[in-house]
Amino acid sequence: MPFVIRDAVPADVAALRDVYRRASLSNEGDRMTLLANPDALEFPGLGGDDRRTRVATAGGRIAGFATSLPAGDVIELDDLFVDPGWMRQGAGRARATRRARRGGRRRRR
């Protein structure tokens, strides 16, 4: 299934929180530490700063998301989370390659 990439909107926050938590806990090596520190499992939100969160959707559902932020003349990937049910199916790759194709350059506003 092809992924649709779009900007995250406030209505997405509940789904982003779910993906963030489930993706974080899917790493067996980190699970016990994360469960012992539940604040680390809380999605920080969309923010009001220069961060930009983009989502990969499939069938109208969020399969993953990535947040980037400006760093001088380039854009850095800050995080990348994929719903465990969509892992190894291209959602993360779709998000990362879309940014790479643009060369990580900042868009003019």
C-alpha atoms as a PDB file:
ATOM      1  CA  MET A   1       0.000   0.000   0.000  1.00  0.00           C
ATOM      2  CA  PRO A   2       1.432   3.419  -0.896  1.00  0.00           C
ATOM      3  CA  PHE A   3       1.887   5.936   1.883  1.00  0.00           C
ATOM      4  CA  VAL A   4       0.556   9.475   1.798  1.00  0.00           C
ATOM      5  CA  ILE A   5       2.905  11.976   3.456  1.00  0.00           C
ATOM      6  CA  ARG A   6       1.424  15.133   4.956  1.00  0.00           C
ATOM      7  CA  ASP A   7       1.922  17.662   7.731  1.00  0.00           C
ATOM      8  CA  ALA A   8       0.639  16.607  11.132  1.00  0.00           C
ATOM      9  CA  VAL A   9      -2.309  18.601  12.446  1.00  0.00           C
ATOM     10  CA  PRO A  10      -3.588  19.023  16.030  1.00  0.00           C
ATOM     11  CA  ALA A  11      -6.292  16.396  15.389  1.00  0.00           C
ATOM     12  CA  ASP A  12      -3.482  13.836  14.899  1.00  0.00           C
ATOM     13  CA  VAL A  13      -1.995  14.222  18.384  1.00  0.00           C
ATOM     14  CA  ALA A  14      -3.881  11.288  19.979  1.00  0.00           C
ATOM     15  CA  ALA A  15      -2.768   8.941  17.182  1.00  0.00           C
ATOM     16  CA  LEU A  16       0.799  10.298  17.348  1.00  0.00           C
ATOM     17  CA  ARG A  17       0.889   9.650  21.103  1.00  0.00           C
ATOM     18  CA  ASP A  18      -0.216   6.075  20.494  1.00  0.00           C
ATOM     19  CA  VAL A  19       2.368   5.458  17.756  1.00  0.00           C
ATOM     20  CA  TYR A  20       5.103   7.094  19.863  1.00  0.00           C
ATOM     21  CA  ARG A  21       4.372   4.884  22.872  1.00  0.00           C
ATOM     22  CA  ARG A  22       3.860   1.632  20.969  1.00  0.00           C
ATOM     23  CA  ALA A  23       6.910   2.145  18.758  1.00  0.00           C
ATOM     24  CA  SER A  24       9.065   2.990  21.788  1.00  0.00           C
ATOM     25  CA  LEU A  25       7.928  -0.109  23.660  1.00  0.00           C
ATOM     26  CA  SER A  26       8.476  -2.344  20.626  1.00  0.00           C
ATOM     27  CA  ASN A  27      12.235  -2.203  21.254  1.00  0.00           C
ATOM     28  CA  GLU A  28      12.647  -5.096  23.668  1.00  0.00           C
ATOM     29  CA  GLY A  29      16.041  -3.858  24.859  1.00  0.00           C
ATOM     30  CA  ASP A  30      14.571  -0.532  26.033  1.00  0.00           C
ATOM     31  CA  ARG A  31      11.168  -1.693  27.252  1.00  0.00           C
ATOM     32  CA  MET A  32      11.971  -2.195  30.962  1.00  0.00           C
ATOM     33  CA  THR A  33      13.800   1.139  31.239  1.00  0.00           C
ATOM     34  CA  LEU A  34      10.943   2.962  29.511  1.00  0.00           C
ATOM     35  CA  LEU A  35       8.309   1.336  31.712  1.00  0.00           C
ATOM     36  CA  ALA A  36      10.336   2.337  34.778  1.00  0.00           C
ATOM     37  CA  ASN A  37      10.394   5.936  33.480  1.00  0.00           C
ATOM     38  CA  PRO A  38       6.887   6.539  32.100  1.00  0.00           C
ATOM     39  CA  ASP A  39       7.570  10.219  31.419  1.00  0.00           C
ATOM     40  CA  ALA A  40       9.881   9.056  28.606  1.00  0.00           C
ATOM     41  CA  LEU A  41       6.835   7.514  26.902  1.00  0.00           C
ATOM     42  CA  GLU A  42       4.919  10.779  26.669  1.00  0.00           C
ATOM     43  CA  PHE A  43       4.789  12.331  23.218  1.00  0.00           C
ATOM     44  CA  PRO A  44       5.992  15.943  23.550  1.00  0.00           C
ATOM     45  CA  GLY A  45       3.327  17.250  21.171  1.00  0.00           C
ATOM     46  CA  LEU A  46       3.585  19.140  17.923  1.00  0.00           C
ATOM     47  CA  GLY A  47       5.305  22.092  19.576  1.00  0.00           C
ATOM     48  CA  GLY A  48       5.053  25.702  18.611  1.00  0.00           C
ATOM     49  CA  ASP A  49       8.679  26.136  17.650  1.00  0.00           C
ATOM     50  CA  ASP A  50      10.422  25.440  14.335  1.00  0.00           C
ATOM     51  CA  ARG A  51       9.906  21.687  14.580  1.00  0.00           C
ATOM     52  CA  ARG A  52       7.879  20.169  11.785  1.00  0.00           C
ATOM     53  CA  THR A  53       6.096  16.851  12.145  1.00  0.00           C
ATOM     54  CA  ARG A  54       5.066  14.952   9.033  1.00  0.00           C
ATOM     55  CA  VAL A  55       3.001  11.772   9.053  1.00  0.00           C
ATOM     56  CA  ALA A  56       2.885   8.763   6.752  1.00  0.00           C
ATOM     57  CA  THR A  57      -0.677   7.534   6.392  1.00  0.00           C
ATOM     58  CA  ALA A  58      -2.031   4.363   4.844  1.00  0.00           C
ATOM     59  CA  GLY A  59      -5.715   3.773   4.428  1.00  0.00           C
ATOM     60  CA  GLY A  60      -6.401   6.985   6.343  1.00  0.00           C
ATOM     61  CA  ARG A  61      -4.493   5.814   9.453  1.00  0.00           C
ATOM     62  CA  ILE A  62      -1.160   7.110  10.710  1.00  0.00           C
ATOM     63  CA  ALA A  63       1.504   4.478  10.096  1.00  0.00           C
ATOM     64  CA  GLY A  64       4.413   6.601  11.293  1.00  0.00           C
ATOM     65  CA  PHE A  65       5.775  10.084  11.714  1.00  0.00           C
ATOM     66  CA  ALA A  66       8.979  12.061  11.702  1.00  0.00           C
ATOM     67  CA  THR A  67       9.879  15.380  13.253  1.00  0.00           C
ATOM     68  CA  SER A  68      12.531  17.631  11.794  1.00  0.00           C
ATOM     69  CA  LEU A  69      14.002  20.923  12.896  1.00  0.00           C
ATOM     70  CA  PRO A  70      16.125  23.584  11.253  1.00  0.00           C
ATOM     71  CA  ALA A  71      19.840  23.604  12.004  1.00  0.00           C
ATOM     72  CA  GLY A  72      21.394  26.489  10.136  1.00  0.00           C
ATOM     73  CA  ASP A  73      20.920  25.922   6.414  1.00  0.00           C
ATOM     74  CA  VAL A  74      19.837  22.294   6.739  1.00  0.00           C
ATOM     75  CA  ILE A  75      17.006  20.342   8.277  1.00  0.00           C
ATOM     76  CA  GLU A  76      17.856  17.645  10.821  1.00  0.00           C
ATOM     77  CA  LEU A  77      15.739  14.591  11.451  1.00  0.00           C
ATOM     78  CA  ASP A  78      14.873  14.805  15.155  1.00  0.00           C
ATOM     79  CA  ASP A  79      12.848  11.606  15.458  1.00  0.00           C
ATOM     80  CA  LEU A  80      11.227   8.868  13.420  1.00  0.00           C
ATOM     81  CA  PHE A  81       8.569   6.534  14.825  1.00  0.00           C
ATOM     82  CA  VAL A  82       6.674   3.788  13.007  1.00  0.00           C
ATOM     83  CA  ASP A  83       3.657   1.946  14.353  1.00  0.00           C
ATOM     84  CA  PRO A  84       4.796  -1.616  15.122  1.00  0.00           C
ATOM     85  CA  GLY A  85       2.081  -2.995  12.821  1.00  0.00           C
ATOM     86  CA  TRP A  86       3.633  -1.063   9.937  1.00  0.00           C
ATOM     87  CA  MET A  87       7.294  -1.741  10.690  1.00  0.00           C
ATOM     88  CA  ARG A  88       9.344  -3.209   7.830  1.00  0.00           C
ATOM     89  CA  GLN A  89       6.724  -2.125   5.287  1.00  0.00           C
ATOM     90  CA  GLY A  90       8.260   1.147   4.121  1.00  0.00           C
ATOM     91  CA  ALA A  91       6.572   3.826   6.265  1.00  0.00           C
ATOM     92  CA  GLY A  92       9.839   5.050   7.800  1.00  0.00           C
ATOM     93  CA  ARG A  93      11.648   4.817   4.485  1.00  0.00           C
ATOM     94  CA  ALA A  94       8.896   6.852   2.811  1.00  0.00           C
ATOM     95  CA  ARG A  95       9.307   9.610   5.411  1.00  0.00           C
ATOM     96  CA  ALA A  96      13.102   9.626   5.341  1.00  0.00           C
ATOM     97  CA  THR A  97      13.512   9.476   1.569  1.00  0.00           C
ATOM     98  CA  ARG A  98      11.010  12.265   1.018  1.00  0.00           C
ATOM     99  CA  ARG A  99      13.205  14.528   3.156  1.00  0.00           C
ATOM    100  CA  ALA A 100      16.423  13.260   1.547  1.00  0.00           C
ATOM    101  CA  ARG A 101      15.114  13.936  -1.960  1.00  0.00           C
ATOM    102  CA  ARG A 102      14.726  17.558  -0.985  1.00  0.00           C
ATOM    103  CA  GLY A 103      18.334  17.476   0.178  1.00  0.00           C
ATOM    104  CA  GLY A 104      17.392  18.474   3.695  1.00  0.00           C
ATOM    105  CA  ARG A 105      17.249  22.103   2.589  1.00  0.00           C
ATOM    106  CA  ARG A 106      14.953  24.527   4.298  1.00  0.00           C
ATOM    107  CA  ARG A 107      12.001  25.734   2.365  1.00  0.00           C
ATOM    108  CA  ARG A 108      11.524  29.444   2.003  1.00  0.00           C
ATOM    109  CA  ARG A 109       8.471  30.699   3.817  1.00  0.00           C
END
